[in-house]
Amino acid sequence: MKQIKYVSAEEAVKVIKSGDRVHLSSVAVTPHTLIKPMVERGRRGEIKNVFIQHIHVEGEVEYANPEFEGIFCSEQFFVGGNLRKQTQAGYADYIPVFLSETQKLIREGYLKVNVAMIMVSTPDNHGFVSLGTSVDATLAAVECADIVIAAVNPNVPRCWGDAMIHIDEIDIFVEDDIKLYTHSFAPLTEQETQIGINVAELVDDGACLQMGIGGIPNAVLAQLGNHKDLGVHTEMFADGILPLVEKGIVTGKHKSIDRGKMVASFLMGTQALYDFVNDNPRVAMMDVAHTNGVHVIRKLDKVTAINSAIAIDLTGQVCADSIGTKHYSGVGGQIDFIRGAGHSKGGKPIIAIPSVTEKGVSKISPILIPGSGVVSTRANIHWVVTEFGAVNLYGKTLQERARLLISIAHPNHKEALDQAAFERFGSHYRFICNQK
């Protein structure tokens, strides 16, 4: 095992050259100790045309501000809230890609990584450090980068699975002690709670869950207290899963692969979540090719994939990444899991959305706003759930889909939606409605 020699962050980032592509580790382990001196180098005019690549980073993103145009170019795989305005204004950019294939872009050379800047745990006696709460595409960047700079931080949990890498894979070491980013959760609304109740009714005992972060996933998890032997195979999970683990509801005993393990690729939550995963062999933090690969997901039975959306039209087209032409988030792993759950024995792909926005606008609409991105095509969609019920569109005609979606729309919008469906499909639509 080589002897680790630490250098200052300022010294470490001197390896970045003009024109380089720099990959950042994501979410809770965003390496700001390294980002800040890189930005200062740009401010001093020492580097330019540096491409910053990541899935989603937390905290300040100064490098994407207008003053750094021509110095840094942010090219993200997912548009987070801290980069939304810059992306919509054109100062940052977005790479549309399935989350499962972010690693493929790197490993197959579509995106050359010159420097990977990551945050890791302290080394163990065998010379291994952990990528902690974010393996995602960072492992691919470590494998393929010309130079790997690691901020070694004792606050990074020692996660198992693909997260473990040997120090021989790292070129430059910097000492770090910043706290990991945490995310707390607002109390559930009545609307979210009712959606959670409706989704939970679709979850079978022994199901393998995929869920994200936010009110709706937490609302679903809060309703699963009487279920048995649930598994977890997901791109990410948060604190909402912890009570189910403590109660013995999440066991993973029926998983055909990774039996007994909670599998994820990145995490975001409170310190309690990070303490839970620290040195926990029941949690496997894996490469996104494993967590989100359709060929892997389909091997698991009863995969219940719970995803949300910005809007859905009357035929089942789901927009989840933009509002019109303004990018709001990203493709993410929605299609990975909708396809994977759709191929899973007993699987249930679910789109769970509030019936209306906070301003009362219907999320079920006759057509999507022009310019909106269709993340999940109408052919992909199975279950759609709002606070007013759950319907299964799989195998249904366009007119049947319209009827079903209107049945779970907000009452204030049903009449207008019904009229839009009649104008689109003609008198036969009324006949279908009367027969079903």
Protein backbone atom coordinates (compact mmCIF):
# COMPACT_ATOMS: atom_id res chain seq x y z
CA MET A 1 0.00 0.00 0.00
CA LYS A 2 1.39 3.36 -0.99
CA GLN A 3 1.99 6.06 1.57
CA ILE A 4 -0.55 8.87 1.36
CA LYS A 5 0.90 12.34 0.97
CA TYR A 6 -1.56 15.16 1.45
CA VAL A 7 -1.33 18.47 -0.36
CA SER A 8 -3.39 21.63 -0.06
CA ALA A 9 -6.53 21.98 -2.13
CA GLU A 10 -4.96 24.96 -3.90
CA GLU A 11 -1.99 22.82 -4.90
CA ALA A 12 -4.18 19.90 -5.97
CA VAL A 13 -6.31 21.83 -8.47
CA LYS A 14 -3.25 23.15 -10.29
CA VAL A 15 -3.40 19.98 -12.41
CA ILE A 16 -6.57 21.32 -14.12
CA LYS A 17 -5.74 22.78 -17.54
CA SER A 18 -7.72 24.94 -19.93
CA GLY A 19 -10.05 22.79 -22.01
CA ASP A 20 -10.22 19.99 -19.43
CA ARG A 21 -13.40 18.16 -18.44
CA VAL A 22 -13.73 17.85 -14.66
CA HIS A 23 -16.12 15.35 -13.10
CA LEU A 24 -17.52 16.13 -9.63
CA SER A 25 -18.85 13.61 -7.14
CA SER A 26 -22.49 14.28 -6.45
CA VAL A 27 -25.20 15.21 -3.99
CA ALA A 28 -24.19 14.97 -0.31
CA VAL A 29 -20.49 14.49 -1.13
CA THR A 30 -20.12 17.46 -3.46
CA PRO A 31 -16.38 18.29 -3.07
CA HIS A 32 -16.56 22.03 -2.33
CA THR A 33 -13.12 21.95 -0.73
CA LEU A 34 -11.79 21.34 -4.25
CA ILE A 35 -14.36 23.34 -6.19
CA LYS A 36 -13.59 26.63 -4.42
CA PRO A 37 -9.87 26.83 -5.32
CA MET A 38 -10.71 25.70 -8.88
CA VAL A 39 -13.12 28.63 -9.16
CA GLU A 40 -10.45 30.98 -7.80
CA ARG A 41 -8.06 29.83 -10.51
CA GLY A 42 -10.70 30.71 -13.06
CA ARG A 43 -11.29 34.08 -11.46
CA ARG A 44 -7.56 34.85 -11.72
CA GLY A 45 -7.58 33.95 -15.41
CA GLU A 46 -5.31 30.90 -15.02
CA ILE A 47 -7.72 28.52 -16.79
CA LYS A 48 -10.58 28.80 -19.29
CA ASN A 49 -13.00 26.61 -21.23
CA VAL A 50 -13.15 24.06 -18.39
CA PHE A 51 -16.17 21.76 -18.60
CA ILE A 52 -17.72 20.85 -15.24
CA GLN A 53 -19.62 17.55 -15.33
CA HIS A 54 -21.82 15.99 -12.65
CA ILE A 55 -25.19 14.46 -12.00
CA HIS A 56 -26.47 16.80 -9.29
CA VAL A 57 -24.42 18.83 -6.84
CA GLU A 58 -25.53 20.46 -3.62
CA GLY A 59 -24.59 23.92 -2.41
CA GLU A 60 -23.16 26.92 -4.20
CA VAL A 61 -22.47 26.66 -7.92
CA GLU A 62 -20.54 29.88 -8.49
CA TYR A 63 -18.81 28.45 -11.56
CA ALA A 64 -22.14 28.59 -13.43
CA ASN A 65 -22.68 32.30 -12.83
CA PRO A 66 -22.57 34.70 -15.82
CA GLU A 67 -19.21 36.15 -14.75
CA PHE A 68 -17.57 32.80 -15.50
CA GLU A 69 -18.87 32.46 -19.05
CA GLY A 70 -16.01 31.23 -21.21
CA ILE A 71 -14.10 30.07 -18.11
CA PHE A 72 -16.36 27.26 -16.87
CA CYS A 73 -19.18 25.44 -18.65
CA SER A 74 -21.46 23.32 -16.47
CA GLU A 75 -22.74 20.23 -18.30
CA GLN A 76 -25.00 18.36 -15.94
CA PHE A 77 -26.85 15.05 -16.25
CA PHE A 78 -29.69 16.39 -14.07
CA VAL A 79 -30.84 19.97 -13.50
CA GLY A 80 -31.04 20.64 -9.76
CA GLY A 81 -32.68 23.60 -8.11
CA ASN A 82 -29.36 25.35 -7.57
CA LEU A 83 -28.61 25.34 -11.31
CA ARG A 84 -32.09 25.78 -12.70
CA LYS A 85 -31.97 29.51 -13.37
CA GLN A 86 -28.49 29.34 -14.90
CA THR A 87 -29.55 26.47 -17.17
CA GLN A 88 -32.73 28.19 -18.29
CA ALA A 89 -30.70 31.35 -19.01
CA GLY A 90 -28.10 29.38 -21.01
CA TYR A 91 -25.13 29.88 -18.66
CA ALA A 92 -25.22 26.18 -17.77
CA ASP A 93 -26.21 23.25 -19.95
CA TYR A 94 -27.85 19.86 -19.65
CA ILE A 95 -27.03 16.45 -21.18
CA PRO A 96 -30.23 14.41 -21.73
CA VAL A 97 -29.44 10.81 -20.76
CA PHE A 98 -30.98 7.92 -18.89
CA LEU A 99 -29.40 7.75 -15.46
CA SER A 100 -28.33 4.17 -16.16
CA GLU A 101 -26.25 5.39 -19.11
CA THR A 102 -24.41 8.27 -17.44
CA GLN A 103 -21.60 5.84 -16.69
CA LYS A 104 -21.71 4.59 -20.29
CA LEU A 105 -21.00 8.08 -21.64
CA ILE A 106 -17.83 8.06 -19.57
CA ARG A 107 -16.70 4.45 -19.93
CA GLU A 108 -17.22 4.37 -23.70
CA GLY A 109 -15.44 7.67 -24.25
CA TYR A 110 -18.33 9.88 -25.31
CA LEU A 111 -17.26 12.20 -22.49
CA LYS A 112 -13.54 12.23 -21.82
CA VAL A 113 -12.78 12.88 -18.13
CA ASN A 114 -9.45 14.60 -17.58
CA VAL A 115 -9.81 15.20 -13.84
CA ALA A 116 -12.18 13.57 -11.35
CA MET A 117 -12.67 15.50 -8.10
CA ILE A 118 -14.29 13.33 -5.47
CA MET A 119 -14.87 13.10 -1.72
CA VAL A 120 -14.09 9.84 0.11
CA SER A 121 -13.93 8.33 3.58
CA THR A 122 -10.70 7.88 5.48
CA PRO A 123 -8.68 4.78 4.46
CA ASP A 124 -9.05 1.50 6.32
CA ASN A 125 -6.19 -0.83 7.26
CA HIS A 126 -6.27 -2.41 3.82
CA GLY A 127 -5.97 0.85 1.92
CA PHE A 128 -9.59 1.14 0.87
CA VAL A 129 -11.68 4.30 0.99
CA SER A 130 -15.38 4.61 0.29
CA LEU A 131 -17.16 6.90 -2.16
CA GLY A 132 -19.79 7.05 0.55
CA THR A 133 -23.24 8.29 -0.37
CA SER A 134 -22.67 8.70 -4.13
CA VAL A 135 -21.38 5.96 -6.40
CA ASP A 136 -23.66 6.76 -9.39
CA ALA A 137 -21.38 7.70 -12.35
CA THR A 138 -18.50 8.74 -10.10
CA LEU A 139 -17.02 5.25 -10.06
CA ALA A 140 -16.82 5.34 -13.86
CA ALA A 141 -15.12 8.74 -13.68
CA VAL A 142 -12.55 7.39 -11.21
CA GLU A 143 -11.84 4.46 -13.51
CA CYS A 144 -11.45 6.60 -16.62
CA ALA A 145 -10.02 9.94 -15.47
CA ASP A 146 -6.45 10.91 -16.28
CA ILE A 147 -6.08 12.30 -12.74
CA VAL A 148 -8.17 11.62 -9.63
CA ILE A 149 -8.16 14.12 -6.77
CA ALA A 150 -9.77 12.97 -3.53
CA ALA A 151 -10.82 15.05 -0.56
CA VAL A 152 -10.44 12.61 2.34
CA ASN A 153 -13.16 13.37 4.85
CA PRO A 154 -13.91 11.49 8.10
CA ASN A 155 -17.55 12.59 7.81
CA VAL A 156 -18.07 10.43 4.72
CA PRO A 157 -19.76 7.16 5.75
CA ARG A 158 -17.95 3.96 4.92
CA CYS A 159 -20.45 2.43 2.52
CA TRP A 160 -20.09 -1.04 1.04
CA GLY A 161 -20.69 -2.41 -2.46
CA ASP A 162 -19.15 -0.65 -5.43
CA ALA A 163 -18.39 2.33 -3.19
CA MET A 164 -15.13 0.80 -1.98
CA ILE A 165 -12.06 1.81 -4.00
CA HIS A 166 -8.36 1.38 -3.25
CA ILE A 167 -6.13 4.38 -2.67
CA ASP A 168 -3.97 3.21 -5.56
CA GLU A 169 -6.75 4.52 -7.84
CA ILE A 170 -6.26 8.04 -6.47
CA ASP A 171 -3.45 10.35 -7.58
CA ILE A 172 -3.77 13.38 -5.31
CA PHE A 173 -5.02 13.55 -1.71
CA VAL A 174 -6.39 16.54 0.18
CA GLU A 175 -7.50 16.59 3.81
CA ASP A 176 -11.10 17.66 4.36
CA ASP A 177 -13.55 17.87 7.26
CA ILE A 178 -16.63 19.66 5.90
CA LYS A 179 -20.02 18.26 6.88
CA LEU A 180 -22.02 16.34 4.33
CA TYR A 181 -25.01 18.13 2.89
CA THR A 182 -28.23 17.11 4.58
CA HIS A 183 -31.84 17.42 3.52
CA SER A 184 -34.74 17.64 5.95
CA PHE A 185 -38.35 17.07 5.01
CA ALA A 186 -41.42 19.23 5.36
CA PRO A 187 -44.54 17.81 6.99
CA LEU A 188 -46.76 15.91 4.58
CA THR A 189 -49.75 17.71 3.11
CA GLU A 190 -53.22 16.17 3.04
CA GLN A 191 -52.85 15.82 -0.72
CA GLU A 192 -49.54 13.95 -0.41
CA THR A 193 -50.93 11.72 2.33
CA GLN A 194 -53.90 10.69 0.19
CA ILE A 195 -51.61 9.96 -2.76
CA GLY A 196 -49.50 7.86 -0.40
CA ILE A 197 -52.58 5.90 0.67
CA ASN A 198 -53.61 5.27 -2.94
CA VAL A 199 -50.12 4.13 -3.98
CA ALA A 200 -49.65 1.94 -0.88
CA GLU A 201 -52.75 -0.03 -1.86
CA LEU A 202 -50.87 -1.11 -4.99
CA VAL A 203 -47.81 -2.33 -3.08
CA ASP A 204 -47.84 -6.09 -2.47
CA ASP A 205 -46.13 -7.87 0.40
CA GLY A 206 -42.67 -8.90 -0.78
CA ALA A 207 -42.50 -6.07 -3.31
CA CYS A 208 -39.16 -4.53 -4.21
CA LEU A 209 -39.36 -0.74 -3.97
CA GLN A 210 -37.90 2.05 -6.05
CA MET A 211 -38.65 5.53 -4.84
CA GLY A 212 -37.10 8.94 -4.88
CA ILE A 213 -36.95 11.88 -2.53
CA GLY A 214 -39.69 14.28 -1.51
CA GLY A 215 -43.22 14.43 -0.21
CA ILE A 216 -44.88 11.73 -2.30
CA PRO A 217 -42.25 8.99 -1.72
CA ASN A 218 -42.28 9.78 2.00
CA ALA A 219 -46.08 9.69 2.00
CA VAL A 220 -46.05 6.25 0.39
CA LEU A 221 -43.47 4.89 2.83
CA ALA A 222 -45.50 6.23 5.75
CA GLN A 223 -48.42 4.03 4.65
CA LEU A 224 -46.49 0.75 4.45
CA GLY A 225 -46.43 0.00 8.18
CA ASN A 226 -48.53 -3.16 7.82
CA HIS A 227 -46.67 -4.63 4.86
CA LYS A 228 -44.29 -7.57 5.05
CA ASP A 229 -40.84 -8.38 3.72
CA LEU A 230 -40.35 -5.47 1.37
CA GLY A 231 -37.12 -5.11 -0.58
CA VAL A 232 -35.26 -2.04 -1.81
CA HIS A 233 -33.57 -1.67 -5.19
CA THR A 234 -33.53 1.97 -6.17
CA GLU A 235 -31.34 4.74 -7.55
CA MET A 236 -31.65 6.55 -4.20
CA PHE A 237 -33.43 6.48 -0.88
CA ALA A 238 -33.82 8.89 2.01
CA ASP A 239 -34.87 8.88 5.67
CA GLY A 240 -38.42 7.73 4.96
CA ILE A 241 -37.22 4.14 4.60
CA LEU A 242 -35.60 4.00 8.06
CA PRO A 243 -38.77 3.39 10.15
CA LEU A 244 -39.65 0.44 7.91
CA VAL A 245 -36.21 -1.04 8.48
CA GLU A 246 -36.48 -0.56 12.23
CA LYS A 247 -39.89 -2.27 12.28
CA GLY A 248 -38.59 -5.26 10.31
CA ILE A 249 -40.83 -4.48 7.31
CA VAL A 250 -37.90 -4.02 4.93
CA THR A 251 -36.04 -7.34 4.89
CA GLY A 252 -35.22 -8.02 1.25
CA LYS A 253 -35.62 -11.75 1.96
CA HIS A 254 -37.47 -12.42 -1.29
CA LYS A 255 -35.04 -10.62 -3.62
CA SER A 256 -33.66 -12.92 -6.30
CA ILE A 257 -30.44 -10.89 -6.45
CA ASP A 258 -28.72 -8.88 -3.70
CA ARG A 259 -30.88 -10.81 -1.25
CA GLY A 260 -31.26 -9.07 2.08
CA LYS A 261 -29.54 -5.91 0.86
CA MET A 262 -30.87 -2.40 0.35
CA VAL A 263 -29.40 -1.37 -2.99
CA ALA A 264 -28.97 2.26 -4.10
CA SER A 265 -26.57 4.41 -6.09
CA PHE A 266 -26.78 7.67 -4.15
CA LEU A 267 -28.36 8.98 -0.96
CA MET A 268 -29.66 12.28 0.32
CA GLY A 269 -31.15 12.84 3.75
CA THR A 270 -30.37 13.74 7.33
CA GLN A 271 -27.37 12.77 9.41
CA ALA A 272 -29.45 9.88 10.76
CA LEU A 273 -29.48 8.37 7.26
CA TYR A 274 -25.72 8.73 6.89
CA ASP A 275 -25.18 7.15 10.31
CA PHE A 276 -27.44 4.25 9.30
CA VAL A 277 -25.49 3.41 6.14
CA ASN A 278 -22.06 3.82 7.76
CA ASP A 279 -20.32 0.42 7.78
CA ASN A 280 -23.69 -1.29 7.29
CA PRO A 281 -23.37 -4.53 5.28
CA ARG A 282 -27.13 -4.52 4.67
CA VAL A 283 -26.70 -1.49 2.39
CA ALA A 284 -24.98 -1.86 -0.98
CA MET A 285 -24.08 1.37 -2.75
CA MET A 286 -23.70 0.34 -6.37
CA ASP A 287 -22.71 1.62 -9.79
CA VAL A 288 -25.67 3.20 -11.54
CA ALA A 289 -25.32 0.59 -14.28
CA HIS A 290 -26.41 -1.97 -11.67
CA THR A 291 -29.10 -0.01 -9.84
CA ASN A 292 -30.73 1.36 -12.98
CA GLY A 293 -29.93 -1.26 -15.59
CA VAL A 294 -33.17 -2.65 -17.01
CA HIS A 295 -31.43 -6.01 -17.44
CA VAL A 296 -30.80 -6.06 -13.68
CA ILE A 297 -34.14 -4.66 -12.49
CA ARG A 298 -36.14 -7.18 -14.49
CA LYS A 299 -34.47 -10.05 -12.57
CA LEU A 300 -36.26 -8.93 -9.41
CA ASP A 301 -39.90 -9.89 -8.81
CA LYS A 302 -42.64 -7.41 -7.89
CA VAL A 303 -40.58 -4.31 -8.60
CA THR A 304 -42.82 -1.42 -7.63
CA ALA A 305 -41.37 1.73 -9.16
CA ILE A 306 -42.81 5.00 -7.87
CA ASN A 307 -41.97 8.08 -9.92
CA SER A 308 -43.46 11.52 -10.30
CA ALA A 309 -43.98 13.97 -13.13
CA ILE A 310 -44.59 17.57 -14.04
CA ALA A 311 -47.57 16.80 -16.27
CA ILE A 312 -49.35 14.04 -18.16
CA ASP A 313 -51.58 14.41 -21.20
CA LEU A 314 -54.83 12.57 -21.87
CA THR A 315 -53.07 9.80 -23.82
CA GLY A 316 -50.50 9.09 -21.09
CA GLN A 317 -47.47 11.03 -22.32
CA VAL A 318 -45.47 12.01 -19.24
CA CYS A 319 -43.36 15.15 -19.02
CA ALA A 320 -40.90 15.00 -16.13
CA ASP A 321 -37.96 17.22 -17.13
CA SER A 322 -39.23 20.56 -18.42
CA ILE A 323 -41.99 23.13 -18.27
CA GLY A 324 -42.42 23.96 -21.92
CA THR A 325 -38.94 24.72 -23.23
CA LYS A 326 -37.56 25.55 -19.76
CA HIS A 327 -35.63 22.63 -18.33
CA TYR A 328 -36.59 21.96 -14.76
CA SER A 329 -34.95 18.65 -13.81
CA GLY A 330 -33.87 15.76 -16.03
CA VAL A 331 -34.68 12.38 -17.53
CA GLY A 332 -33.16 10.73 -14.47
CA GLY A 333 -34.01 7.12 -13.80
CA GLN A 334 -37.71 7.23 -14.57
CA ILE A 335 -37.55 5.26 -17.82
CA ASP A 336 -34.95 2.85 -16.38
CA PHE A 337 -37.37 1.81 -13.67
CA ILE A 338 -40.60 2.05 -15.63
CA ARG A 339 -39.10 -0.32 -18.17
CA GLY A 340 -37.48 -2.49 -15.52
CA ALA A 341 -40.64 -2.77 -13.42
CA GLY A 342 -42.67 -3.38 -16.55
CA HIS A 343 -40.49 -6.43 -17.31
CA SER A 344 -40.43 -7.60 -13.68
CA LYS A 345 -42.66 -10.55 -12.76
CA GLY A 346 -45.54 -8.94 -10.89
CA GLY A 347 -43.94 -5.51 -11.31
CA LYS A 348 -45.86 -2.23 -11.15
CA PRO A 349 -44.55 0.95 -12.77
CA ILE A 350 -46.35 3.87 -11.10
CA ILE A 351 -46.51 7.58 -11.91
CA ALA A 352 -47.75 9.37 -8.80
CA ILE A 353 -48.67 13.05 -9.16
CA PRO A 354 -50.88 15.62 -7.47
CA SER A 355 -53.96 16.36 -9.58
CA VAL A 356 -53.16 20.08 -9.60
CA THR A 357 -50.22 22.40 -9.06
CA GLU A 358 -49.97 24.70 -6.05
CA LYS A 359 -51.68 27.33 -8.21
CA GLY A 360 -54.58 25.02 -9.04
CA VAL A 361 -53.54 24.19 -12.60
CA SER A 362 -54.42 20.64 -13.65
CA LYS A 363 -51.44 18.35 -14.04
CA ILE A 364 -53.57 16.17 -16.29
CA SER A 365 -53.94 18.18 -19.46
CA PRO A 366 -55.39 17.74 -22.97
CA ILE A 367 -51.92 18.26 -24.44
CA LEU A 368 -48.54 18.99 -22.94
CA ILE A 369 -47.28 22.56 -23.02
CA PRO A 370 -45.51 23.05 -26.38
CA GLY A 371 -41.81 22.36 -25.99
CA SER A 372 -42.27 19.99 -23.06
CA GLY A 373 -40.06 16.93 -23.06
CA VAL A 374 -41.77 13.53 -23.15
CA VAL A 375 -39.68 11.53 -20.72
CA SER A 376 -41.99 8.51 -20.64
CA THR A 377 -43.95 7.77 -23.79
CA ARG A 378 -47.58 6.72 -23.69
CA ALA A 379 -46.47 3.17 -24.49
CA ASN A 380 -44.39 3.03 -21.29
CA ILE A 381 -47.11 4.04 -18.85
CA HIS A 382 -48.96 1.61 -16.59
CA TRP A 383 -50.36 2.94 -13.29
CA VAL A 384 -51.13 6.62 -12.75
CA VAL A 385 -52.09 7.77 -9.25
CA THR A 386 -53.42 11.07 -7.90
CA GLU A 387 -55.12 11.89 -4.61
CA PHE A 388 -58.40 10.97 -6.34
CA GLY A 389 -57.51 7.39 -7.21
CA ALA A 390 -55.39 5.01 -9.28
CA VAL A 391 -55.86 3.84 -12.87
CA ASN A 392 -53.95 1.43 -15.06
CA LEU A 393 -53.46 2.63 -18.65
CA TYR A 394 -51.53 -0.43 -19.85
CA GLY A 395 -53.26 -2.05 -22.82
CA LYS A 396 -55.89 0.68 -23.00
CA THR A 397 -56.87 2.62 -26.12
CA LEU A 398 -56.35 6.37 -26.40
CA GLN A 399 -60.02 7.04 -25.66
CA GLU A 400 -60.06 4.67 -22.69
CA ARG A 401 -56.93 6.35 -21.34
CA ALA A 402 -58.57 9.75 -21.54
CA ARG A 403 -61.63 8.46 -19.68
CA LEU A 404 -59.52 6.85 -16.96
CA LEU A 405 -57.25 9.85 -16.45
CA ILE A 406 -60.20 12.21 -16.24
CA SER A 407 -61.64 9.96 -13.51
CA ILE A 408 -58.68 10.79 -11.23
CA ALA A 409 -58.39 14.45 -12.22
CA HIS A 410 -59.36 17.26 -9.87
CA PRO A 411 -63.14 17.83 -9.92
CA ASN A 412 -62.62 21.47 -10.91
CA HIS A 413 -61.06 20.37 -14.21
CA LYS A 414 -63.02 17.25 -15.16
CA GLU A 415 -65.60 19.02 -17.32
CA ALA A 416 -62.98 20.90 -19.37
CA LEU A 417 -60.89 17.74 -19.80
CA ASP A 418 -63.95 15.76 -20.87
CA GLN A 419 -64.82 18.40 -23.46
CA ALA A 420 -61.22 18.38 -24.74
CA ALA A 421 -61.37 14.59 -25.09
CA PHE A 422 -64.68 14.82 -26.99
CA GLU A 423 -63.25 17.43 -29.36
CA ARG A 424 -60.20 15.27 -29.97
CA PHE A 425 -61.83 11.86 -30.41
CA GLY A 426 -65.36 12.67 -31.52
CA SER A 427 -68.69 11.07 -30.62
CA HIS A 428 -67.23 7.59 -30.21
CA TYR A 429 -65.50 8.87 -27.07
CA ARG A 430 -68.91 9.42 -25.44
CA PHE A 431 -69.90 5.88 -26.49
CA ILE A 432 -66.75 4.48 -24.84
CA CYS A 433 -67.45 6.45 -21.67
CA ASN A 434 -70.97 5.04 -21.48
CA GLN A 435 -69.87 1.47 -22.07
CA LYS A 436 -67.00 1.29 -19.56
